[in-house]
Amino acid sequence: MATLTRPTSGAPDRPELRRRTHPLSVDIARALPLTPAIALLLVFLAGPILWCVYAAFTNTALTGAGSGDTQFVGLDNFRAAFGSDTFRNSVVLTLVFTFLSAVVGQNLLGLGLALLQKRSAKLVRTLVGVTVIGAWVIPEVVAGYLWYAFLAEDGTLNEIIGVLGLGQNWLYTLPIIAVSLANVWRGTAFSMLVYNAALSEIPQEIEEAAEMDGATGWRRLRFVTVPMIKRTVTTNLMLITLQTLSVFGLIYTMTRGGPGTKSQTLPLYMYEQAFSFSQIGYGTAIALVLLAVGGVFSIVYMRLLRED
């Protein structure tokens, strides 16, 4: 009786003979689709940053000696900055503006509005959300002009309270407070949306248990709500702080840093030195200082997140 045998072809299927692809080739193949995006980041993001770092250590200028013969000056720009009273005043005003309008204003008001929306009727939530988000989507320059028209000497606010004899030029007497209020009005929506998302994640059973234990609204907020959204609070503070440090258009539209230098934060001081006085090297040195300030805030917030 004949025995049927399965035909074989080629070499036996041995694992050691299989064709293997080098891991480096696989990584390169996977990275190829990202090449255009990486190239764009290098050209339009890393490129300007590296040029700014270089320019900060030179006497680059739009006019004068530095425009035709750029020279390396080392730390001279930074020494001139830290030796300037105007620069130190800008640093202080930047910290005051950031604390008032971001850490206190936007953060606390955003949390308050989020709590209000959580406990209010649907109509109230809708009206609050539309109003606050509407202020947020307005361009920065437009928001600055609206607040200028509201707080100017002949503005809307003085027309309202003028009959009580309380009218004054708010942009002249309290400029840093005025721009801080404008920034709170415009930027609170971001914090409100962040806290809305965080509060929606708190289990209702925990709040009900706290209420049954006799915790009032304030105690429930302090000992239950805030501890459960602590990481969100820290993250929100980091984001709005970095956003506020770089605010330029709002302040420039309202006060142009004046009167004098009473509302001249670091972005406005940097702009004045780089483009009004044509000192590009000195201006980019100020930009690096502003970047360092933002980095310090980021490190503090990141440490708080890690500890939490």
Protein backbone atom coordinates (compact mmCIF):
# COMPACT_ATOMS: atom_id res chain seq x y z
CA MET A 1 0.00 0.00 0.00
CA ALA A 2 1.45 3.33 -1.04
CA THR A 3 2.13 5.90 1.66
CA LEU A 4 1.18 9.50 0.91
CA THR A 5 3.80 12.06 1.88
CA ARG A 6 3.36 15.84 2.02
CA PRO A 7 5.64 17.58 -0.43
CA THR A 8 8.22 19.88 1.00
CA SER A 9 9.71 22.83 -0.67
CA GLY A 10 12.69 24.97 0.21
CA ALA A 11 14.65 24.97 3.41
CA PRO A 12 13.14 23.81 6.69
CA ASP A 13 11.33 26.47 8.81
CA ARG A 14 13.90 27.14 11.47
CA PRO A 15 13.56 30.17 13.77
CA GLU A 16 17.25 30.98 13.47
CA LEU A 17 16.87 31.25 9.70
CA ARG A 18 13.96 33.67 9.76
CA ARG A 19 14.69 37.14 8.57
CA ARG A 20 14.98 39.54 11.43
CA THR A 21 14.58 43.30 11.29
CA HIS A 22 17.00 45.42 13.28
CA PRO A 23 15.24 47.43 16.06
CA LEU A 24 16.91 50.64 14.91
CA SER A 25 15.38 50.23 11.43
CA VAL A 26 11.94 49.78 13.00
CA ASP A 27 12.34 52.96 15.08
CA ILE A 28 13.44 54.95 12.04
CA ALA A 29 10.49 53.68 10.00
CA ARG A 30 8.07 54.66 12.75
CA ALA A 31 9.64 58.11 13.10
CA LEU A 32 9.52 58.96 9.38
CA PRO A 33 5.87 60.19 9.41
CA LEU A 34 6.78 62.59 12.24
CA THR A 35 9.67 64.15 10.34
CA PRO A 36 7.70 67.11 8.87
CA ALA A 37 6.23 67.99 12.28
CA ILE A 38 9.64 67.76 13.95
CA ALA A 39 11.16 69.95 11.24
CA LEU A 40 8.45 72.60 11.73
CA LEU A 41 9.00 72.59 15.51
CA LEU A 42 12.73 73.02 15.06
CA VAL A 43 12.34 75.88 12.58
CA PHE A 44 9.46 77.83 14.13
CA LEU A 45 9.81 77.00 17.84
CA ALA A 46 13.31 75.91 18.75
CA GLY A 47 14.89 78.22 16.16
CA PRO A 48 13.51 81.51 17.55
CA ILE A 49 14.24 80.41 21.11
CA LEU A 50 17.87 79.65 20.30
CA TRP A 51 18.21 82.95 18.43
CA CYS A 52 16.80 84.85 21.44
CA VAL A 53 19.30 83.14 23.73
CA TYR A 54 22.09 84.18 21.37
CA ALA A 55 20.81 87.75 20.98
CA ALA A 56 20.52 88.23 24.75
CA PHE A 57 24.30 88.03 25.00
CA THR A 58 24.96 90.48 22.15
CA ASN A 59 24.39 94.18 21.47
CA THR A 60 21.95 93.47 18.62
CA ALA A 61 19.93 96.59 17.78
CA LEU A 62 17.59 97.88 15.10
CA THR A 63 19.52 101.14 14.80
CA GLY A 64 22.93 102.37 15.84
CA ALA A 65 26.16 100.44 16.30
CA GLY A 66 24.52 97.13 17.14
CA SER A 67 22.59 97.04 13.89
CA GLY A 68 25.63 96.94 11.64
CA ASP A 69 28.29 95.41 13.88
CA THR A 70 26.80 92.92 16.31
CA GLN A 71 29.21 91.97 19.06
CA PHE A 72 29.16 89.50 21.91
CA VAL A 73 28.79 91.41 25.20
CA GLY A 74 28.44 88.53 27.66
CA LEU A 75 26.33 89.30 30.72
CA ASP A 76 26.29 93.07 30.17
CA ASN A 77 22.59 93.12 29.23
CA PHE A 78 21.65 91.24 32.39
CA ARG A 79 23.87 93.45 34.57
CA ALA A 80 22.23 96.53 33.07
CA ALA A 81 18.77 95.06 33.69
CA PHE A 82 19.30 94.14 37.34
CA GLY A 83 20.95 97.49 37.94
CA SER A 84 17.96 99.39 36.56
CA ASP A 85 15.26 100.73 38.88
CA THR A 86 12.76 100.55 36.02
CA PHE A 87 13.45 96.85 35.51
CA ARG A 88 13.06 96.08 39.22
CA ASN A 89 9.82 98.05 39.25
CA SER A 90 8.57 95.97 36.30
CA VAL A 91 9.41 92.72 38.11
CA VAL A 92 7.45 93.83 41.19
CA LEU A 93 4.47 94.95 39.11
CA THR A 94 4.51 91.67 37.18
CA LEU A 95 4.35 89.69 40.43
CA VAL A 96 1.59 91.95 41.82
CA PHE A 97 -0.40 91.71 38.59
CA THR A 98 -0.02 87.92 38.50
CA PHE A 99 -0.97 87.49 42.16
CA LEU A 100 -4.03 89.76 42.00
CA SER A 101 -5.44 88.70 38.65
CA ALA A 102 -4.46 85.00 38.53
CA VAL A 103 -3.72 83.48 41.93
CA VAL A 104 -6.48 85.40 43.72
CA GLY A 105 -8.87 86.76 41.10
CA GLN A 106 -9.27 84.14 38.38
CA ASN A 107 -8.65 81.18 40.67
CA LEU A 108 -11.09 82.08 43.47
CA LEU A 109 -13.74 83.59 41.21
CA GLY A 110 -13.55 80.59 38.87
CA LEU A 111 -14.02 78.20 41.81
CA GLY A 112 -16.90 80.28 43.14
CA LEU A 113 -18.68 80.32 39.78
CA ALA A 114 -18.17 76.57 39.38
CA LEU A 115 -19.73 75.96 42.82
CA LEU A 116 -22.59 78.30 41.93
CA GLN A 117 -23.25 76.46 38.68
CA LYS A 118 -23.20 73.09 40.43
CA ARG A 119 -25.90 74.09 42.92
CA SER A 120 -28.03 76.33 40.70
CA ALA A 121 -30.90 75.77 38.30
CA LYS A 122 -30.21 75.05 34.67
CA LEU A 123 -31.22 78.58 33.58
CA VAL A 124 -28.77 80.18 36.02
CA ARG A 125 -25.97 77.83 34.91
CA THR A 126 -26.62 78.68 31.28
CA LEU A 127 -26.68 82.44 31.85
CA VAL A 128 -23.49 82.40 33.95
CA GLY A 129 -21.69 80.13 31.50
CA VAL A 130 -22.62 82.19 28.43
CA THR A 131 -21.66 85.48 30.12
CA VAL A 132 -18.29 84.33 31.48
CA ILE A 133 -17.24 82.37 28.40
CA GLY A 134 -18.36 85.27 26.20
CA ALA A 135 -15.85 87.51 27.99
CA TRP A 136 -13.17 84.86 27.51
CA VAL A 137 -13.54 84.54 23.74
CA ILE A 138 -13.29 88.31 23.18
CA PRO A 139 -9.85 89.21 21.77
CA GLU A 140 -7.44 90.63 24.31
CA VAL A 141 -7.19 94.01 22.60
CA VAL A 142 -10.98 94.34 22.39
CA ALA A 143 -11.32 93.49 26.08
CA GLY A 144 -8.70 96.11 26.90
CA TYR A 145 -10.55 98.77 24.92
CA LEU A 146 -13.86 97.88 26.64
CA TRP A 147 -12.30 98.29 30.07
CA TYR A 148 -10.57 101.48 28.99
CA ALA A 149 -13.94 102.90 27.96
CA PHE A 150 -15.41 101.75 31.29
CA LEU A 151 -12.69 103.09 33.62
CA ALA A 152 -11.48 106.21 31.78
CA GLU A 153 -12.00 109.64 33.30
CA ASP A 154 -15.00 110.26 31.05
CA GLY A 155 -15.97 106.56 30.98
CA THR A 156 -19.08 104.65 31.94
CA LEU A 157 -18.12 104.02 35.58
CA ASN A 158 -17.64 107.71 36.35
CA GLU A 159 -20.94 108.49 34.63
CA ILE A 160 -22.66 106.06 37.00
CA ILE A 161 -20.99 107.01 40.29
CA GLY A 162 -20.32 110.65 39.40
CA VAL A 163 -23.59 111.70 41.05
CA LEU A 164 -22.16 110.43 44.35
CA GLY A 165 -18.97 112.43 43.94
CA LEU A 166 -16.81 109.29 43.69
CA GLY A 167 -15.65 109.70 40.11
CA GLN A 168 -11.92 109.76 39.35
CA ASN A 169 -9.46 108.72 36.66
CA TRP A 170 -9.10 105.09 37.68
CA LEU A 171 -6.48 104.36 35.01
CA TYR A 172 -4.30 107.11 36.48
CA THR A 173 -4.81 106.63 40.22
CA LEU A 174 -5.02 102.81 40.38
CA PRO A 175 -3.60 101.52 37.07
CA ILE A 176 -2.29 98.12 38.22
CA ILE A 177 -5.59 97.41 40.03
CA ALA A 178 -7.53 98.45 36.92
CA VAL A 179 -5.63 96.14 34.56
CA SER A 180 -5.83 93.31 37.12
CA LEU A 181 -9.63 93.60 37.27
CA ALA A 182 -9.80 93.59 33.47
CA ASN A 183 -7.67 90.45 33.30
CA VAL A 184 -9.84 88.73 35.93
CA TRP A 185 -12.96 89.60 33.93
CA ARG A 186 -11.49 88.20 30.76
CA GLY A 187 -9.72 85.10 32.05
CA THR A 188 -11.99 83.67 34.76
CA ALA A 189 -13.82 81.41 32.31
CA PHE A 190 -10.80 79.10 32.01
CA SER A 191 -10.67 78.45 35.76
CA MET A 192 -14.45 78.04 35.88
CA LEU A 193 -14.38 75.34 33.19
CA VAL A 194 -11.48 73.52 34.89
CA TYR A 195 -13.26 73.50 38.24
CA ASN A 196 -16.56 72.50 36.65
CA ALA A 197 -14.86 69.35 35.34
CA ALA A 198 -13.20 68.65 38.70
CA LEU A 199 -16.37 69.12 40.77
CA SER A 200 -18.32 66.81 38.49
CA GLU A 201 -15.89 63.99 39.39
CA ILE A 202 -16.55 64.20 43.16
CA PRO A 203 -18.82 61.28 44.19
CA GLN A 204 -22.16 62.58 45.41
CA GLU A 205 -22.20 59.99 48.19
CA ILE A 206 -19.23 61.65 49.89
CA GLU A 207 -20.91 65.05 49.97
CA GLU A 208 -24.14 63.53 51.22
CA ALA A 209 -22.27 61.72 53.98
CA ALA A 210 -20.57 64.96 55.03
CA GLU A 211 -23.92 66.74 55.07
CA MET A 212 -25.46 63.98 57.22
CA ASP A 213 -22.55 64.35 59.64
CA GLY A 214 -23.55 67.98 60.11
CA ALA A 215 -20.95 69.69 57.93
CA THR A 216 -22.15 73.11 56.85
CA GLY A 217 -21.53 74.53 53.39
CA TRP A 218 -18.24 76.21 54.38
CA ARG A 219 -16.92 73.23 56.33
CA ARG A 220 -17.93 70.88 53.53
CA LEU A 221 -16.08 73.06 51.06
CA ARG A 222 -12.97 73.28 53.25
CA PHE A 223 -12.67 69.69 54.42
CA VAL A 224 -14.28 67.70 51.58
CA THR A 225 -14.45 69.58 48.28
CA VAL A 226 -11.12 71.42 48.22
CA PRO A 227 -8.99 68.44 49.39
CA MET A 228 -10.54 66.24 46.71
CA ILE A 229 -9.73 68.71 43.92
CA LYS A 230 -6.34 69.76 45.30
CA ARG A 231 -4.43 68.51 42.26
CA THR A 232 -6.81 70.38 39.95
CA VAL A 233 -6.30 73.57 41.97
CA THR A 234 -2.51 73.28 41.63
CA THR A 235 -2.70 72.52 37.90
CA ASN A 236 -5.08 75.42 37.29
CA LEU A 237 -2.84 77.80 39.25
CA MET A 238 0.16 76.77 37.17
CA LEU A 239 -1.65 77.30 33.86
CA ILE A 240 -3.25 80.66 34.66
CA THR A 241 -0.03 81.95 36.25
CA LEU A 242 1.96 81.22 33.09
CA GLN A 243 -0.79 82.79 30.96
CA THR A 244 -0.90 85.94 33.11
CA LEU A 245 2.86 86.45 33.14
CA SER A 246 2.79 86.99 29.37
CA VAL A 247 -0.23 89.33 29.16
CA PHE A 248 0.64 92.24 26.89
CA GLY A 249 -2.20 93.42 24.66
CA LEU A 250 -4.67 94.04 27.49
CA ILE A 251 -2.34 96.28 29.50
CA TYR A 252 -0.93 98.02 26.43
CA THR A 253 -4.43 98.90 25.21
CA MET A 254 -5.58 100.22 28.59
CA THR A 255 -2.56 102.11 29.95
CA ARG A 256 0.49 101.49 27.71
CA GLY A 257 2.32 100.81 30.97
CA GLY A 258 1.53 104.23 32.39
CA PRO A 259 1.08 106.63 33.86
CA GLY A 260 4.86 106.69 33.82
CA THR A 261 5.78 103.12 34.70
CA LYS A 262 3.02 102.40 37.24
CA SER A 263 1.59 99.52 35.21
CA GLN A 264 4.63 98.57 33.14
CA THR A 265 4.98 94.81 33.60
CA LEU A 266 7.90 92.83 32.16
CA PRO A 267 6.27 92.14 28.75
CA LEU A 268 5.68 95.89 28.26
CA TYR A 269 9.17 96.78 29.47
CA MET A 270 10.63 94.20 27.11
CA TYR A 271 8.61 95.61 24.19
CA GLU A 272 9.66 99.17 24.99
CA GLN A 273 13.36 98.32 25.12
CA ALA A 274 13.35 96.10 22.03
CA PHE A 275 11.12 98.09 19.66
CA SER A 276 10.72 101.62 21.02
CA PHE A 277 14.41 102.01 21.94
CA SER A 278 15.60 99.50 19.29
CA GLN A 279 17.72 97.51 21.78
CA ILE A 280 16.95 93.98 20.60
CA GLY A 281 19.73 92.36 22.63
CA TYR A 282 18.63 94.02 25.87
CA GLY A 283 14.97 93.25 25.14
CA THR A 284 15.64 89.56 24.56
CA ALA A 285 17.60 89.46 27.83
CA ILE A 286 14.44 90.72 29.56
CA ALA A 287 12.50 88.00 27.74
CA LEU A 288 14.84 85.35 29.17
CA VAL A 289 14.33 86.78 32.65
CA LEU A 290 10.56 86.53 32.15
CA LEU A 291 11.04 82.94 30.98
CA ALA A 292 13.04 82.23 34.13
CA VAL A 293 10.27 83.70 36.31
CA GLY A 294 7.76 81.42 34.62
CA GLY A 295 10.12 78.49 35.14
CA VAL A 296 10.35 79.21 38.88
CA PHE A 297 6.56 79.23 39.19
CA SER A 298 6.35 75.99 37.22
CA ILE A 299 8.91 74.27 39.45
CA VAL A 300 7.04 75.33 42.59
CA TYR A 301 3.71 74.06 41.27
CA MET A 302 5.22 70.80 40.02
CA ARG A 303 6.76 70.16 43.43
CA LEU A 304 3.36 70.74 45.03
CA LEU A 305 1.84 68.22 42.62
CA ARG A 306 4.50 65.63 43.43
CA GLU A 307 4.08 66.11 47.17
CA ASP A 308 0.34 65.76 46.82
